Amino acid sequence: MKAFKRLLSALLLALAAGALATGCGGVVEASGGEELTLGYIRWDENVAVSNLTKVLLEEELGYEKVELQLAGVKTVFPGVADGEMDAFQDVWMPNLKKHLSEVRKDIEHLDPWFKGKTSYGIAVPDYMDIHSLAELDDAGTDLIIGIEPGAAFHPQIAEEVIPEYDLDMKLVEASTPAMLAELKKAYAQEEPIVFLRWSPHWMNAEYDLRYLEDPKDAQGAFNNPAKISTIVNESLPEDDPVAYAFLKTISLNEEQVNQMEADINEAGDPVKGVKTWLEGNRDTVQPWIDAAERAREG
């Protein structure tokens, strides 16, 4: 009888081990406890794609831990270059070319993962009777609400837009969550607000907004679409070919990014929101998992 119980216990342990090695997309062998550190900024598309990467690497590919390390625009690039972080997945080009050029020899710049068309610029809610940057002194506010200090668009506003249009306005550097909180409050009361807007982002579905015309082209390159891509530490392809293959294969369009951000907002938690999004997007992510598994097999 004791021998039978020992055999039964052994079988149950074996079954439990097999269950742990099974992801929701199929059987995945444990990888030996790899760890990865992703630098991220509180830009909503970056929160979304970073948490998506974390969930899939941990739950589908057996990673022991994928750490999301909060950083700023000025610190995330050197963080990847010096190996403190393995990757950063929200490189807007050419917007962030200055930061990229400073670390290029120590990183690898991957092809864009975002397959939609981006936009970026100074905007107002649709209820405001302002259509051009030249009209901003009549906006009813003397503030342009920015995002994180170090954002590439900020110097363009302070050094080009405001002087070119001779505006009596001040740029306020805050954070993306703070800007969005101000937008929400102003929009509810139909109060004047001038702020930075971009796409992809859930705000474009939540609110009726208008980019301001720029007849003097003072916003420069920011008037043109950008590409969103990933940088990795130069040693990642050799040190972690599985994560490298995964990061190289990621591909998302604007509708997918916007929906993921909306699911995160509704869930109130990035991981829960990502898991909700994954329920309807298994076909989208499976090729990324397959590429990582092939890299693991050698």
Protein backbone atom coordinates (compact mmCIF):
# COMPACT_ATOMS: atom_id res chain seq x y z
CA MET A 1 0.00 0.00 0.00
CA LYS A 2 2.82 2.43 0.87
CA ALA A 3 4.53 1.62 -2.43
CA PHE A 4 1.29 2.39 -4.26
CA LYS A 5 1.00 5.76 -2.49
CA ARG A 6 4.60 6.63 -3.37
CA LEU A 7 3.91 5.73 -7.02
CA LEU A 8 0.73 7.79 -7.02
CA SER A 9 2.58 10.79 -5.54
CA ALA A 10 5.29 10.50 -8.15
CA LEU A 11 2.70 10.43 -10.95
CA LEU A 12 0.92 13.49 -9.54
CA LEU A 13 4.19 15.41 -9.32
CA ALA A 14 5.01 14.50 -12.91
CA LEU A 15 1.60 15.69 -14.07
CA ALA A 16 1.99 18.96 -12.16
CA ALA A 17 5.38 19.56 -13.73
CA GLY A 18 3.90 18.93 -17.17
CA ALA A 19 1.10 21.41 -16.49
CA LEU A 20 3.58 24.10 -15.49
CA ALA A 21 5.37 23.65 -18.79
CA THR A 22 2.17 24.24 -20.76
CA GLY A 23 1.34 27.77 -21.90
CA CYS A 24 -2.06 28.91 -23.12
CA GLY A 25 -0.84 28.64 -26.70
CA GLY A 26 0.56 25.10 -26.45
CA VAL A 27 3.30 23.11 -24.76
CA VAL A 28 6.41 25.13 -23.92
CA GLU A 29 9.43 23.60 -22.30
CA ALA A 30 10.93 25.50 -19.36
CA SER A 31 13.88 27.53 -20.51
CA GLY A 32 16.13 27.34 -17.48
CA GLY A 33 14.96 30.50 -15.73
CA GLU A 34 16.01 33.29 -18.04
CA GLU A 35 15.54 36.86 -16.88
CA LEU A 36 15.16 40.04 -18.93
CA THR A 37 15.00 43.72 -18.06
CA LEU A 38 12.98 46.08 -20.22
CA GLY A 39 13.38 49.81 -19.80
CA TYR A 40 10.05 51.60 -20.13
CA ILE A 41 8.58 55.06 -19.97
CA ARG A 42 5.02 55.85 -18.92
CA TRP A 43 3.95 56.37 -22.53
CA ASP A 44 0.81 54.32 -23.00
CA GLU A 45 1.98 52.42 -26.07
CA ASN A 46 5.20 51.60 -24.21
CA VAL A 47 3.33 50.38 -21.12
CA ALA A 48 1.20 48.20 -23.40
CA VAL A 49 3.95 46.58 -25.49
CA SER A 50 6.30 46.14 -22.51
CA ASN A 51 3.66 44.37 -20.43
CA LEU A 52 2.65 42.28 -23.44
CA THR A 53 6.28 41.19 -23.81
CA LYS A 54 6.49 40.42 -20.09
CA VAL A 55 3.34 38.28 -20.08
CA LEU A 56 4.30 36.27 -23.17
CA LEU A 57 7.92 35.67 -22.18
CA GLU A 58 6.96 34.56 -18.68
CA GLU A 59 3.81 32.59 -19.40
CA GLU A 60 4.53 31.23 -22.87
CA LEU A 61 8.31 30.93 -22.97
CA GLY A 62 9.13 30.01 -19.39
CA TYR A 63 11.08 33.10 -18.35
CA GLU A 64 11.57 33.27 -14.62
CA LYS A 65 11.26 37.05 -14.54
CA VAL A 66 10.86 39.93 -16.96
CA GLU A 67 11.46 43.14 -15.04
CA LEU A 68 10.01 46.43 -16.24
CA GLN A 69 12.39 49.16 -15.11
CA LEU A 70 10.90 52.64 -15.12
CA ALA A 71 13.13 55.22 -16.78
CA GLY A 72 13.07 58.64 -18.39
CA VAL A 73 13.72 59.57 -22.00
CA LYS A 74 17.20 60.77 -21.11
CA THR A 75 18.14 57.66 -19.10
CA VAL A 76 16.59 54.75 -20.97
CA PHE A 77 18.95 54.93 -23.96
CA PRO A 78 22.19 54.86 -21.93
CA GLY A 79 20.53 52.26 -19.70
CA VAL A 80 20.22 49.88 -22.64
CA ALA A 81 23.67 50.79 -23.96
CA ASP A 82 25.48 50.01 -20.70
CA GLY A 83 23.56 46.77 -20.11
CA GLU A 84 21.51 47.91 -17.12
CA MET A 85 18.49 47.20 -19.34
CA ASP A 86 18.28 44.67 -22.14
CA ALA A 87 15.85 46.52 -24.40
CA PHE A 88 13.55 49.52 -24.86
CA GLN A 89 10.55 49.14 -27.17
CA ASP A 90 9.34 52.69 -27.84
CA VAL A 91 11.91 54.43 -30.04
CA TRP A 92 10.12 57.04 -32.15
CA MET A 93 12.23 57.92 -35.17
CA PRO A 94 13.29 60.45 -36.25
CA ASN A 95 11.88 62.11 -33.11
CA LEU A 96 14.45 60.48 -30.81
CA LYS A 97 17.40 60.39 -33.21
CA LYS A 98 19.53 62.57 -30.91
CA HIS A 99 19.24 60.09 -28.04
CA LEU A 100 19.82 57.16 -30.39
CA SER A 101 22.92 58.68 -31.97
CA GLU A 102 24.59 58.97 -28.56
CA VAL A 103 24.46 55.21 -27.92
CA ARG A 104 24.41 53.68 -31.40
CA LYS A 105 27.75 51.85 -31.04
CA ASP A 106 26.51 49.94 -27.97
CA ILE A 107 23.03 48.95 -29.12
CA GLU A 108 21.25 47.29 -32.02
CA HIS A 109 18.33 49.17 -33.53
CA LEU A 110 15.63 46.74 -34.70
CA ASP A 111 13.15 47.28 -37.52
CA PRO A 112 9.89 49.07 -36.58
CA TRP A 113 7.31 46.91 -34.82
CA PHE A 114 4.46 49.40 -35.26
CA LYS A 115 2.85 48.95 -38.67
CA GLY A 116 0.44 51.87 -38.54
CA LYS A 117 0.87 55.55 -39.33
CA THR A 118 1.88 57.76 -36.44
CA SER A 119 1.03 61.41 -35.89
CA TYR A 120 2.31 63.94 -33.38
CA GLY A 121 1.68 67.59 -32.64
CA ILE A 122 0.09 70.33 -30.56
CA ALA A 123 -3.66 69.85 -30.27
CA VAL A 124 -6.86 71.13 -28.68
CA PRO A 125 -10.29 69.59 -28.02
CA ASP A 126 -12.72 69.90 -30.90
CA TYR A 127 -15.01 72.23 -28.91
CA MET A 128 -12.35 74.97 -28.98
CA ASP A 129 -12.56 77.44 -31.88
CA ILE A 130 -8.81 77.26 -32.53
CA HIS A 131 -7.46 75.72 -35.73
CA SER A 132 -3.90 76.99 -36.11
CA LEU A 133 -0.80 77.51 -33.98
CA ALA A 134 -1.00 81.14 -35.05
CA GLU A 135 -4.26 81.48 -33.08
CA LEU A 136 -2.97 80.11 -29.79
CA ASP A 137 -2.80 83.45 -28.00
CA ASP A 138 -6.61 83.47 -28.26
CA ALA A 139 -6.95 79.94 -26.84
CA GLY A 140 -8.04 81.04 -23.38
CA THR A 141 -4.96 79.53 -21.71
CA ASP A 142 -1.30 80.48 -21.70
CA LEU A 143 -0.04 76.92 -21.11
CA ILE A 144 0.96 74.14 -23.47
CA ILE A 145 0.75 70.93 -21.42
CA GLY A 146 3.69 68.67 -22.24
CA ILE A 147 4.73 65.23 -21.12
CA GLU A 148 7.92 63.86 -19.52
CA PRO A 149 10.96 66.16 -19.23
CA GLY A 150 13.39 65.21 -21.97
CA ALA A 151 10.68 64.51 -24.55
CA ALA A 152 12.13 65.29 -27.95
CA PHE A 153 9.26 67.56 -28.95
CA HIS A 154 9.67 69.92 -26.02
CA PRO A 155 12.75 71.81 -27.32
CA GLN A 156 11.02 72.20 -30.69
CA ILE A 157 8.06 73.86 -28.98
CA ALA A 158 10.15 76.10 -26.72
CA GLU A 159 12.80 77.07 -29.28
CA GLU A 160 10.86 77.05 -32.56
CA VAL A 161 7.07 77.04 -32.22
CA ILE A 162 6.65 79.69 -29.52
CA PRO A 163 9.20 82.16 -31.02
CA GLU A 164 8.10 81.57 -34.64
CA TYR A 165 4.48 82.41 -33.85
CA ASP A 166 5.42 85.00 -31.20
CA LEU A 167 3.20 83.27 -28.69
CA ASP A 168 2.66 84.47 -25.14
CA MET A 169 2.58 80.89 -23.89
CA LYS A 170 4.65 78.62 -21.67
CA LEU A 171 5.45 74.95 -22.08
CA VAL A 172 4.77 72.87 -18.96
CA GLU A 173 6.79 69.66 -18.62
CA ALA A 174 4.95 67.12 -16.50
CA SER A 175 4.28 63.49 -17.41
CA THR A 176 1.99 61.61 -19.75
CA PRO A 177 -0.42 60.59 -16.93
CA ALA A 178 -0.50 64.19 -15.66
CA MET A 179 -1.22 65.55 -19.15
CA LEU A 180 -4.01 63.02 -19.67
CA ALA A 181 -5.50 63.86 -16.27
CA GLU A 182 -5.57 67.55 -17.23
CA LEU A 183 -7.16 66.68 -20.57
CA LYS A 184 -9.85 64.57 -18.90
CA LYS A 185 -10.69 67.32 -16.41
CA ALA A 186 -10.77 70.09 -19.01
CA TYR A 187 -12.76 68.03 -21.52
CA ALA A 188 -15.46 67.22 -18.96
CA GLN A 189 -16.00 70.94 -18.30
CA GLU A 190 -15.29 72.04 -21.90
CA GLU A 191 -12.52 74.27 -20.62
CA PRO A 192 -9.64 75.44 -22.83
CA ILE A 193 -6.55 73.25 -22.91
CA VAL A 194 -3.58 73.01 -25.27
CA PHE A 195 -1.53 69.81 -25.10
CA LEU A 196 0.63 67.28 -26.90
CA ARG A 197 -1.25 64.66 -28.88
CA TRP A 198 -0.01 61.60 -30.75
CA SER A 199 -1.14 58.40 -32.37
CA PRO A 200 -1.28 55.53 -31.62
CA HIS A 201 -3.03 56.37 -28.37
CA TRP A 202 -6.37 55.65 -26.73
CA MET A 203 -7.10 59.37 -26.25
CA ASN A 204 -7.94 59.57 -29.96
CA ALA A 205 -10.88 57.19 -29.47
CA GLU A 206 -11.92 58.67 -26.12
CA TYR A 207 -12.08 62.35 -27.11
CA ASP A 208 -12.83 64.51 -30.15
CA LEU A 209 -9.52 66.29 -30.70
CA ARG A 210 -7.91 68.49 -33.35
CA TYR A 211 -4.28 68.89 -34.35
CA LEU A 212 -3.46 72.54 -34.93
CA GLU A 213 -2.34 73.61 -38.39
CA ASP A 214 1.26 74.72 -38.67
CA PRO A 215 1.48 77.08 -41.67
CA LYS A 216 5.07 78.09 -40.80
CA ASP A 217 6.21 74.48 -40.35
CA ALA A 218 7.60 75.38 -36.94
CA GLN A 219 7.04 71.83 -35.67
CA GLY A 220 9.49 70.66 -38.31
CA ALA A 221 9.99 66.91 -38.59
CA PHE A 222 7.32 66.33 -35.95
CA ASN A 223 4.72 67.17 -38.61
CA ASN A 224 5.71 63.97 -40.41
CA PRO A 225 4.87 60.35 -39.49
CA ALA A 226 7.42 58.55 -37.32
CA LYS A 227 8.41 54.90 -37.00
CA ILE A 228 8.24 53.08 -33.64
CA SER A 229 10.93 50.49 -33.02
CA THR A 230 13.05 48.72 -30.40
CA ILE A 231 16.66 48.98 -29.31
CA VAL A 232 18.49 46.13 -27.59
CA ASN A 233 21.86 45.92 -25.92
CA GLU A 234 24.50 44.84 -28.43
CA SER A 235 25.15 41.59 -26.53
CA LEU A 236 21.51 40.44 -26.43
CA PRO A 237 21.58 38.39 -29.68
CA GLU A 238 24.35 36.22 -28.21
CA ASP A 239 23.33 36.31 -24.55
CA ASP A 240 19.62 35.69 -25.06
CA PRO A 241 18.74 34.61 -28.62
CA VAL A 242 15.21 33.65 -27.52
CA ALA A 243 14.27 37.14 -26.32
CA TYR A 244 16.11 38.66 -29.27
CA ALA A 245 14.10 36.59 -31.77
CA PHE A 246 10.87 37.45 -29.95
CA LEU A 247 11.59 41.20 -29.92
CA LYS A 248 12.57 41.18 -33.60
CA THR A 249 9.30 39.52 -34.63
CA ILE A 250 6.78 41.69 -32.76
CA SER A 251 4.36 43.43 -35.13
CA LEU A 252 1.28 45.47 -34.17
CA ASN A 253 -1.01 47.85 -36.03
CA GLU A 254 -2.79 50.95 -34.75
CA GLU A 255 -6.10 49.23 -34.03
CA GLN A 256 -4.35 46.53 -32.01
CA VAL A 257 -2.34 49.03 -29.96
CA ASN A 258 -5.35 51.26 -29.30
CA GLN A 259 -7.47 48.28 -28.20
CA MET A 260 -4.74 47.00 -25.90
CA GLU A 261 -4.45 50.43 -24.28
CA ALA A 262 -8.24 50.55 -23.88
CA ASP A 263 -8.26 47.09 -22.27
CA ILE A 264 -5.52 48.20 -19.86
CA ASN A 265 -7.46 51.32 -18.92
CA GLU A 266 -10.64 49.33 -18.33
CA ALA A 267 -8.83 46.70 -16.26
CA GLY A 268 -6.95 49.29 -14.24
CA ASP A 269 -3.86 47.07 -14.39
CA PRO A 270 -1.45 46.58 -17.34
CA VAL A 271 -1.01 42.83 -16.92
CA LYS A 272 -4.75 42.17 -16.56
CA GLY A 273 -5.48 44.41 -19.54
CA VAL A 274 -2.90 42.65 -21.69
CA LYS A 275 -4.36 39.25 -20.78
CA THR A 276 -7.82 40.48 -21.78
CA TRP A 277 -6.44 41.68 -25.11
CA LEU A 278 -4.69 38.35 -25.67
CA GLU A 279 -8.00 36.49 -25.48
CA GLY A 280 -8.92 37.84 -28.90
CA ASN A 281 -5.45 38.13 -30.41
CA ARG A 282 -3.79 34.74 -30.14
CA ASP A 283 -3.22 34.60 -33.89
CA THR A 284 -1.36 37.91 -33.72
CA VAL A 285 1.19 36.84 -31.12
CA GLN A 286 1.70 33.18 -32.04
CA PRO A 287 4.30 33.93 -34.76
CA TRP A 288 6.40 35.81 -32.19
CA ILE A 289 6.29 32.82 -29.85
CA ASP A 290 7.11 30.45 -32.70
CA ALA A 291 10.16 32.53 -33.66
CA ALA A 292 11.41 32.48 -30.07
CA GLU A 293 10.92 28.72 -29.82
CA ARG A 294 12.87 28.17 -33.03
CA ALA A 295 15.71 30.28 -31.60
CA ARG A 296 15.65 28.16 -28.45
CA GLU A 297 15.95 24.98 -30.49
CA GLY A 298 19.06 26.41 -32.13
